[in-house]
Amino acid sequence: MAAISLLIFTVTIEAASVETRDPYVHFFDQFFGDLQEELANAKEEGKKGVLIFFEMDECPFCHRMKRTVLNRPEVQKFFKENMLSFAIDIEGDVEMVDFKGETMSQKDFSFKVNRVRATPVIAFYDLQGEQVVRYTGATSGPDEFLWMGEYFVDGHYQKQSFTRYKREKRKASKNR
């Protein structure tokens, strides 16, 4: 009985360690405060664009996203392969440079430039620094977040809304 308990405990610990990879280590890229430079890096690395996760410390939905979605290896792998991803504190006073070369605080970039009023906001920028996809709130889980990434990477945003794309993905996954 003790051997079975030890085996179950070991398997549980191993499974938990795989599913709880720290998003600040494995999902978000290190941000040095210059989005123009990061955009150039994305182009050089053959990425499709940049994702910005607008957050604030007190946001329970941001914490849920980090705890249940951004910590998943399959999510981390997809986003690392396809884009650079950065977290921006909407209350931050740290100076940064936006995609147009303007210097401002993270707070001003969030409120004045991107009109972020609730968190999280997940924004995708193309290689010209234009916001092309925006989603406010937490996704329902890893699948929806991956669909959002595919929606951006594959250019579906140019042809249809994310709501329609998501509906098609759900329907296709039910028919398997």
Protein backbone atom coordinates (compact mmCIF):
# COMPACT_ATOMS: atom_id res chain seq x y z
CA MET A 1 0.00 0.00 0.00
CA ALA A 2 2.83 2.41 0.86
CA ALA A 3 4.51 1.65 -2.49
CA ILE A 4 1.30 2.46 -4.38
CA SER A 5 0.87 5.70 -2.41
CA LEU A 6 4.48 6.66 -3.17
CA LEU A 7 3.99 5.91 -6.87
CA ILE A 8 0.79 7.99 -7.03
CA PHE A 9 2.51 10.84 -5.17
CA THR A 10 5.52 10.72 -7.54
CA VAL A 11 3.34 10.68 -10.67
CA THR A 12 1.24 13.57 -9.30
CA ILE A 13 4.34 15.65 -8.53
CA GLU A 14 5.83 14.98 -11.98
CA ALA A 15 2.55 15.88 -13.73
CA ALA A 16 2.19 19.04 -11.67
CA SER A 17 5.73 20.16 -12.44
CA VAL A 18 5.11 19.82 -16.19
CA GLU A 19 1.88 21.81 -16.05
CA THR A 20 3.13 24.60 -13.80
CA ARG A 21 6.03 26.11 -15.73
CA ASP A 22 6.49 29.72 -14.65
CA PRO A 23 5.11 32.03 -17.37
CA TYR A 24 7.67 34.72 -16.55
CA VAL A 25 10.42 32.22 -17.38
CA HIS A 26 8.85 30.10 -20.14
CA PHE A 27 6.18 32.26 -21.80
CA PHE A 28 7.12 35.93 -21.60
CA ASP A 29 10.27 37.21 -23.25
CA GLN A 30 12.51 39.58 -21.34
CA PHE A 31 11.42 43.14 -22.11
CA PHE A 32 14.09 45.80 -22.22
CA GLY A 33 11.65 48.68 -22.66
CA ASP A 34 11.89 49.36 -26.40
CA LEU A 35 9.10 47.94 -28.57
CA GLN A 36 10.68 49.30 -31.77
CA GLU A 37 13.79 47.27 -31.01
CA GLU A 38 11.70 44.21 -30.06
CA LEU A 39 9.82 44.49 -33.35
CA ALA A 40 13.16 44.45 -35.20
CA ASN A 41 14.15 41.38 -33.18
CA ALA A 42 10.87 39.66 -34.09
CA LYS A 43 11.53 40.32 -37.79
CA GLU A 44 15.12 39.04 -37.55
CA GLU A 45 13.97 35.89 -35.74
CA GLY A 46 11.28 35.16 -38.35
CA LYS A 47 8.39 35.68 -35.94
CA LYS A 48 4.89 36.66 -37.04
CA GLY A 49 4.63 39.56 -34.59
CA VAL A 50 4.44 40.60 -30.96
CA LEU A 51 1.95 39.75 -28.23
CA ILE A 52 1.46 42.11 -25.31
CA PHE A 53 -0.30 40.90 -22.18
CA PHE A 54 -1.57 44.02 -20.40
CA GLU A 55 -1.90 43.19 -16.71
CA MET A 56 -1.94 44.59 -13.20
CA ASP A 57 -0.97 43.04 -9.86
CA GLU A 58 -4.46 43.00 -8.34
CA CYS A 59 -6.14 41.37 -11.36
CA PRO A 60 -7.55 37.93 -10.49
CA PHE A 61 -8.17 37.16 -14.17
CA CYS A 62 -4.52 37.90 -15.02
CA HIS A 63 -3.43 35.55 -12.25
CA ARG A 64 -5.82 32.86 -13.49
CA MET A 65 -4.42 33.17 -17.03
CA LYS A 66 -0.87 32.78 -15.74
CA ARG A 67 -1.83 29.89 -13.44
CA THR A 68 -3.98 27.89 -15.90
CA VAL A 69 -3.02 28.91 -19.46
CA LEU A 70 0.34 30.66 -19.82
CA ASN A 71 2.06 27.99 -17.70
CA ARG A 72 1.18 25.17 -20.12
CA PRO A 73 4.09 23.74 -22.15
CA GLU A 74 2.05 23.46 -25.38
CA VAL A 75 1.02 27.12 -25.08
CA GLN A 76 4.57 28.22 -24.31
CA LYS A 77 5.98 26.24 -27.24
CA PHE A 78 3.50 27.64 -29.79
CA PHE A 79 3.93 31.26 -28.73
CA LYS A 80 7.75 31.06 -28.43
CA GLU A 81 7.94 29.67 -31.97
CA ASN A 82 5.67 32.30 -33.50
CA MET A 83 6.01 35.62 -31.68
CA LEU A 84 7.71 37.61 -28.99
CA SER A 85 5.51 37.98 -25.89
CA PHE A 86 5.73 40.70 -23.26
CA ALA A 87 3.86 41.60 -20.08
CA ILE A 88 3.08 45.29 -19.53
CA ASP A 89 1.92 46.61 -16.15
CA ILE A 90 -0.93 49.03 -16.85
CA GLU A 91 -0.10 50.89 -13.64
CA GLY A 92 3.64 50.91 -14.29
CA ASP A 93 5.71 54.07 -14.15
CA VAL A 94 8.67 52.44 -15.87
CA GLU A 95 9.64 54.31 -19.04
CA MET A 96 9.44 52.50 -22.34
CA VAL A 97 9.49 53.19 -26.08
CA ASP A 98 6.37 52.33 -28.08
CA PHE A 99 6.25 50.91 -31.62
CA LYS A 100 6.43 54.45 -33.09
CA GLY A 101 9.51 55.46 -31.11
CA GLU A 102 7.71 57.60 -28.52
CA THR A 103 9.02 57.43 -24.94
CA MET A 104 6.37 57.13 -22.22
CA SER A 105 5.50 55.19 -19.08
CA GLN A 106 3.95 51.73 -19.28
CA LYS A 107 0.84 53.32 -17.74
CA ASP A 108 0.57 55.88 -20.56
CA PHE A 109 1.23 53.23 -23.21
CA SER A 110 -1.59 51.18 -21.71
CA PHE A 111 -4.19 53.92 -21.14
CA LYS A 112 -3.41 56.63 -23.67
CA VAL A 113 -2.09 54.62 -26.61
CA ASN A 114 -3.99 51.33 -26.20
CA ARG A 115 -7.05 52.45 -24.22
CA VAL A 116 -6.75 49.56 -21.77
CA ARG A 117 -9.47 49.94 -19.15
CA ALA A 118 -9.77 46.35 -17.86
CA THR A 119 -7.31 43.50 -17.55
CA PRO A 120 -6.06 41.31 -18.93
CA VAL A 121 -5.94 42.63 -22.46
CA ILE A 122 -4.20 40.37 -24.93
CA ALA A 123 -3.04 42.35 -27.96
CA PHE A 124 -1.31 41.04 -31.07
CA TYR A 125 0.80 43.37 -33.21
CA ASP A 126 1.92 42.63 -36.75
CA LEU A 127 5.48 43.23 -37.95
CA GLN A 128 4.65 46.88 -38.71
CA GLY A 129 3.70 47.46 -35.05
CA GLU A 130 -0.02 47.72 -35.80
CA GLN A 131 -2.46 46.13 -33.37
CA VAL A 132 -4.44 43.60 -35.42
CA VAL A 133 -6.07 41.43 -32.75
CA ARG A 134 -7.29 42.45 -29.30
CA TYR A 135 -9.03 40.37 -26.66
CA THR A 136 -10.18 41.68 -23.29
CA GLY A 137 -10.51 39.24 -20.41
CA ALA A 138 -9.26 35.79 -19.59
CA THR A 139 -9.71 33.03 -22.14
CA SER A 140 -11.74 29.97 -21.15
CA GLY A 141 -8.59 27.85 -21.13
CA PRO A 142 -5.50 26.79 -23.07
CA ASP A 143 -7.43 25.69 -26.17
CA GLU A 144 -9.09 29.06 -26.66
CA PHE A 145 -5.78 30.86 -26.11
CA LEU A 146 -4.03 28.61 -28.65
CA TRP A 147 -6.87 29.25 -31.12
CA MET A 148 -6.31 32.97 -30.61
CA GLY A 149 -2.63 32.51 -31.40
CA GLU A 150 -3.45 30.50 -34.53
CA TYR A 151 -6.04 33.13 -35.50
CA PHE A 152 -3.27 35.73 -35.49
CA VAL A 153 -0.40 33.66 -36.90
CA ASP A 154 -2.41 32.23 -39.80
CA GLY A 155 -3.96 35.62 -40.67
CA HIS A 156 -7.56 34.59 -40.05
CA TYR A 157 -8.14 38.02 -38.45
CA GLN A 158 -8.06 39.48 -41.95
CA LYS A 159 -11.11 37.45 -43.01
CA GLN A 160 -13.32 36.83 -39.97
CA SER A 161 -13.96 37.70 -36.35
CA PHE A 162 -12.37 35.68 -33.58
CA THR A 163 -15.85 34.70 -32.36
CA ARG A 164 -16.62 33.04 -35.70
CA TYR A 165 -13.18 31.43 -35.88
CA LYS A 166 -13.58 30.07 -32.34
CA ARG A 167 -17.04 28.68 -33.15
CA GLU A 168 -15.60 26.85 -36.19
CA LYS A 169 -12.74 25.44 -34.09
CA ARG A 170 -15.15 24.21 -31.40
CA LYS A 171 -17.36 22.57 -34.00
CA ALA A 172 -14.38 20.88 -35.66
CA SER A 173 -13.05 19.58 -32.32
CA LYS A 174 -16.48 18.10 -31.45
CA ASN A 175 -16.65 16.29 -34.80
CA ARG A 176 -13.40 14.41 -34.26
